Amino acid sequence: MGVDTSGGHPAMDYAEHNRTYAQFLSLAKVGIIFLVVLLAGMAYFLV
């Protein structure tokens, strides 16, 4: 995603913000995949 940060506040560290957001998205994807596998395993083994 391209965001123009040239007009932003000089105290903001936009590069760090973008890295943090990317890490959040990665962890959210891993969490969703884990939950899907967990639910599929529960459906298979518990039913």
PDB file of N, CA and C in Angstrom:
ATOM      1  N   MET A   1       0.850  -1.152   0.000  1.00  0.00           N
ATOM      2  CA  MET A   1       0.000   0.000   0.000  1.00  0.00           C
ATOM      3  C   MET A   1       0.907   1.229   0.000  1.00  0.00           C
ATOM      4  N   GLY A   2       0.641   2.148  -0.866  1.00  0.00           N
ATOM      5  CA  GLY A   2       1.431   3.363  -0.928  1.00  0.00           C
ATOM      6  C   GLY A   2       0.742   4.507  -0.206  1.00  0.00           C
ATOM      7  N   VAL A   3       1.442   5.076   0.774  1.00  0.00           N
ATOM      8  CA  VAL A   3       0.892   6.187   1.531  1.00  0.00           C
ATOM      9  C   VAL A   3       1.888   7.333   1.458  1.00  0.00           C
ATOM     10  N   ASP A   4       1.409   8.514   1.102  1.00  0.00           N
ATOM     11  CA  ASP A   4       2.273   9.693   1.037  1.00  0.00           C
ATOM     12  C   ASP A   4       2.474  10.231   2.439  1.00  0.00           C
ATOM     13  N   THR A   5       3.683  10.073   2.974  1.00  0.00           N
ATOM     14  CA  THR A   5       3.985  10.535   4.337  1.00  0.00           C
ATOM     15  C   THR A   5       4.774  11.830   4.337  1.00  0.00           C
ATOM     16  N   SER A   6       4.880  12.492   3.179  1.00  0.00           N
ATOM     17  CA  SER A   6       5.693  13.709   3.107  1.00  0.00           C
ATOM     18  C   SER A   6       5.072  14.861   3.890  1.00  0.00           C
ATOM     19  N   GLY A   7       3.752  14.861   4.056  1.00  0.00           N
ATOM     20  CA  GLY A   7       3.105  15.947   4.772  1.00  0.00           C
ATOM     21  C   GLY A   7       2.838  15.625   6.226  1.00  0.00           C
ATOM     22  N   GLY A   8       3.388  14.520   6.705  1.00  0.00           N
ATOM     23  CA  GLY A   8       3.121  14.090   8.073  1.00  0.00           C
ATOM     24  C   GLY A   8       3.935  14.858   9.092  1.00  0.00           C
ATOM     25  N   HIS A   9       3.674  14.570  10.342  1.00  0.00           N
ATOM     26  CA  HIS A   9       4.374  15.223  11.437  1.00  0.00           C
ATOM     27  C   HIS A   9       5.817  14.736  11.487  1.00  0.00           C
ATOM     28  N   PRO A  10       6.785  15.648  11.690  1.00  0.00           N
ATOM     29  CA  PRO A  10       8.194  15.238  11.673  1.00  0.00           C
ATOM     30  C   PRO A  10       8.570  14.293  12.822  1.00  0.00           C
ATOM     31  N   ALA A  11       7.789  14.267  13.887  1.00  0.00           N
ATOM     32  CA  ALA A  11       8.123  13.396  15.008  1.00  0.00           C
ATOM     33  C   ALA A  11       7.689  11.946  14.765  1.00  0.00           C
ATOM     34  N   MET A  12       6.896  11.719  13.731  1.00  0.00           N
ATOM     35  CA  MET A  12       6.426  10.360  13.450  1.00  0.00           C
ATOM     36  C   MET A  12       7.502   9.559  12.732  1.00  0.00           C
ATOM     37  N   ASP A  13       7.684   8.314  13.183  1.00  0.00           N
ATOM     38  CA  ASP A  13       8.617   7.397  12.540  1.00  0.00           C
ATOM     39  C   ASP A  13       7.792   6.473  11.644  1.00  0.00           C
ATOM     40  N   TYR A  14       7.554   6.904  10.412  1.00  0.00           N
ATOM     41  CA  TYR A  14       6.670   6.179   9.515  1.00  0.00           C
ATOM     42  C   TYR A  14       7.234   4.824   9.116  1.00  0.00           C
ATOM     43  N   ALA A  15       8.537   4.717   8.989  1.00  0.00           N
ATOM     44  CA  ALA A  15       9.134   3.430   8.624  1.00  0.00           C
ATOM     45  C   ALA A  15       8.863   2.402   9.720  1.00  0.00           C
ATOM     46  N   GLU A  16       9.014   2.799  10.962  1.00  0.00           N
ATOM     47  CA  GLU A  16       8.740   1.879  12.074  1.00  0.00           C
ATOM     48  C   GLU A  16       7.257   1.543  12.147  1.00  0.00           C
ATOM     49  N   HIS A  17       6.422   2.509  11.887  1.00  0.00           N
ATOM     50  CA  HIS A  17       4.973   2.262  11.870  1.00  0.00           C
ATOM     51  C   HIS A  17       4.629   1.213  10.808  1.00  0.00           C
ATOM     52  N   ASN A  18       5.198   1.346   9.627  1.00  0.00           N
ATOM     53  CA  ASN A  18       4.926   0.400   8.543  1.00  0.00           C
ATOM     54  C   ASN A  18       5.440  -0.990   8.886  1.00  0.00           C
ATOM     55  N   ARG A  19       6.607  -1.097   9.525  1.00  0.00           N
ATOM     56  CA  ARG A  19       7.130  -2.401   9.938  1.00  0.00           C
ATOM     57  C   ARG A  19       6.235  -3.033  10.993  1.00  0.00           C
ATOM     58  N   THR A  20       5.761  -2.246  11.938  1.00  0.00           N
ATOM     59  CA  THR A  20       4.886  -2.758  12.987  1.00  0.00           C
ATOM     60  C   THR A  20       3.574  -3.254  12.389  1.00  0.00           C
ATOM     61  N   TYR A  21       3.008  -2.511  11.465  1.00  0.00           N
ATOM     62  CA  TYR A  21       1.755  -2.909  10.827  1.00  0.00           C
ATOM     63  C   TYR A  21       1.937  -4.190  10.015  1.00  0.00           C
ATOM     64  N   ALA A  22       3.056  -4.298   9.305  1.00  0.00           N
ATOM     65  CA  ALA A  22       3.333  -5.509   8.536  1.00  0.00           C
ATOM     66  C   ALA A  22       3.473  -6.715   9.461  1.00  0.00           C
ATOM     67  N   GLN A  23       4.113  -6.526  10.603  1.00  0.00           N
ATOM     68  CA  GLN A  23       4.256  -7.608  11.568  1.00  0.00           C
ATOM     69  C   GLN A  23       2.895  -7.990  12.144  1.00  0.00           C
ATOM     70  N   PHE A  24       2.059  -7.021  12.431  1.00  0.00           N
ATOM     71  CA  PHE A  24       0.707  -7.293  12.920  1.00  0.00           C
ATOM     72  C   PHE A  24      -0.077  -8.120  11.901  1.00  0.00           C
ATOM     73  N   LEU A  25      -0.003  -7.753  10.632  1.00  0.00           N
ATOM     74  CA  LEU A  25      -0.716  -8.504   9.598  1.00  0.00           C
ATOM     75  C   LEU A  25      -0.193  -9.930   9.503  1.00  0.00           C
ATOM     76  N   SER A  26       1.118 -10.106   9.599  1.00  0.00           N
ATOM     77  CA  SER A  26       1.699 -11.448   9.538  1.00  0.00           C
ATOM     78  C   SER A  26       1.223 -12.296  10.709  1.00  0.00           C
ATOM     79  N   LEU A  27       1.232 -11.742  11.904  1.00  0.00           N
ATOM     80  CA  LEU A  27       0.783 -12.493  13.074  1.00  0.00           C
ATOM     81  C   LEU A  27      -0.714 -12.789  13.006  1.00  0.00           C
ATOM     82  N   ALA A  28      -1.489 -11.877  12.467  1.00  0.00           N
ATOM     83  CA  ALA A  28      -2.921 -12.123  12.314  1.00  0.00           C
ATOM     84  C   ALA A  28      -3.161 -13.278  11.339  1.00  0.00           C
ATOM     85  N   LYS A  29      -2.407 -13.319  10.241  1.00  0.00           N
ATOM     86  CA  LYS A  29      -2.540 -14.409   9.279  1.00  0.00           C
ATOM     87  C   LYS A  29      -2.173 -15.745   9.921  1.00  0.00           C
ATOM     88  N   VAL A  30      -1.073 -15.777  10.669  1.00  0.00           N
ATOM     89  CA  VAL A  30      -0.657 -17.008  11.337  1.00  0.00           C
ATOM     90  C   VAL A  30      -1.709 -17.444  12.344  1.00  0.00           C
ATOM     91  N   GLY A  31      -2.260 -16.501  13.082  1.00  0.00           N
ATOM     92  CA  GLY A  31      -3.298 -16.820  14.057  1.00  0.00           C
ATOM     93  C   GLY A  31      -4.541 -17.384  13.408  1.00  0.00           C
ATOM     94  N   ILE A  32      -4.960 -16.817  12.300  1.00  0.00           N
ATOM     95  CA  ILE A  32      -6.142 -17.304  11.596  1.00  0.00           C
ATOM     96  C   ILE A  32      -5.894 -18.708  11.059  1.00  0.00           C
ATOM     97  N   ILE A  33      -4.726 -18.942  10.484  1.00  0.00           N
ATOM     98  CA  ILE A  33      -4.391 -20.276   9.971  1.00  0.00           C
ATOM     99  C   ILE A  33      -4.379 -21.287  11.112  1.00  0.00           C
ATOM    100  N   PHE A  34      -3.801 -20.918  12.248  1.00  0.00           N
ATOM    101  CA  PHE A  34      -3.768 -21.810  13.406  1.00  0.00           C
ATOM    102  C   PHE A  34      -5.188 -22.165  13.849  1.00  0.00           C
ATOM    103  N   LEU A  35      -6.054 -21.177  13.930  1.00  0.00           N
ATOM    104  CA  LEU A  35      -7.425 -21.436  14.358  1.00  0.00           C
ATOM    105  C   LEU A  35      -8.180 -22.315  13.375  1.00  0.00           C
ATOM    106  N   VAL A  36      -7.960 -22.124  12.090  1.00  0.00           N
ATOM    107  CA  VAL A  36      -8.617 -22.969  11.087  1.00  0.00           C
ATOM    108  C   VAL A  36      -8.153 -24.412  11.245  1.00  0.00           C
ATOM    109  N   VAL A  37      -6.845 -24.619  11.426  1.00  0.00           N
ATOM    110  CA  VAL A  37      -6.315 -25.978  11.613  1.00  0.00           C
ATOM    111  C   VAL A  37      -6.853 -26.573  12.907  1.00  0.00           C
ATOM    112  N   LEU A  38      -6.901 -25.782  13.974  1.00  0.00           N
ATOM    113  CA  LEU A  38      -7.418 -26.267  15.245  1.00  0.00           C
ATOM    114  C   LEU A  38      -8.883 -26.684  15.124  1.00  0.00           C
ATOM    115  N   LEU A  39      -9.701 -25.860  14.505  1.00  0.00           N
ATOM    116  CA  LEU A  39     -11.112 -26.185  14.347  1.00  0.00           C
ATOM    117  C   LEU A  39     -11.321 -27.405  13.454  1.00  0.00           C
ATOM    118  N   ALA A  40     -10.530 -27.500  12.394  1.00  0.00           N
ATOM    119  CA  ALA A  40     -10.642 -28.670  11.516  1.00  0.00           C
ATOM    120  C   ALA A  40     -10.244 -29.927  12.278  1.00  0.00           C
ATOM    121  N   GLY A  41      -9.195 -29.847  13.082  1.00  0.00           N
ATOM    122  CA  GLY A  41      -8.789 -30.992  13.893  1.00  0.00           C
ATOM    123  C   GLY A  41      -9.843 -31.375  14.911  1.00  0.00           C
ATOM    124  N   MET A  42     -10.450 -30.391  15.533  1.00  0.00           N
ATOM    125  CA  MET A  42     -11.511 -30.664  16.487  1.00  0.00           C
ATOM    126  C   MET A  42     -12.714 -31.325  15.809  1.00  0.00           C
ATOM    127  N   ALA A  43     -13.059 -30.832  14.613  1.00  0.00           N
ATOM    128  CA  ALA A  43     -14.183 -31.409  13.884  1.00  0.00           C
ATOM    129  C   ALA A  43     -13.902 -32.851  13.488  1.00  0.00           C
ATOM    130  N   TYR A  44     -12.665 -33.151  13.147  1.00  0.00           N
ATOM    131  CA  TYR A  44     -12.313 -34.493  12.712  1.00  0.00           C
ATOM    132  C   TYR A  44     -12.195 -35.463  13.893  1.00  0.00           C
ATOM    133  N   PHE A  45     -11.505 -35.037  14.951  1.00  0.00           N
ATOM    134  CA  PHE A  45     -11.193 -35.947  16.058  1.00  0.00           C
ATOM    135  C   PHE A  45     -12.273 -36.006  17.143  1.00  0.00           C
ATOM    136  N   LEU A  46     -13.083 -34.979  17.270  1.00  0.00           N
ATOM    137  CA  LEU A  46     -14.061 -34.956  18.357  1.00  0.00           C
ATOM    138  C   LEU A  46     -15.477 -35.334  17.925  1.00  0.00           C
ATOM    139  N   VAL A  47     -15.694 -35.447  16.639  1.00  0.00           N
ATOM    140  CA  VAL A  47     -17.052 -35.770  16.163  1.00  0.00           C
ATOM    141  C   VAL A  47     -17.107 -37.207  15.683  1.00  0.00           C
TER     142      VAL A  47
END
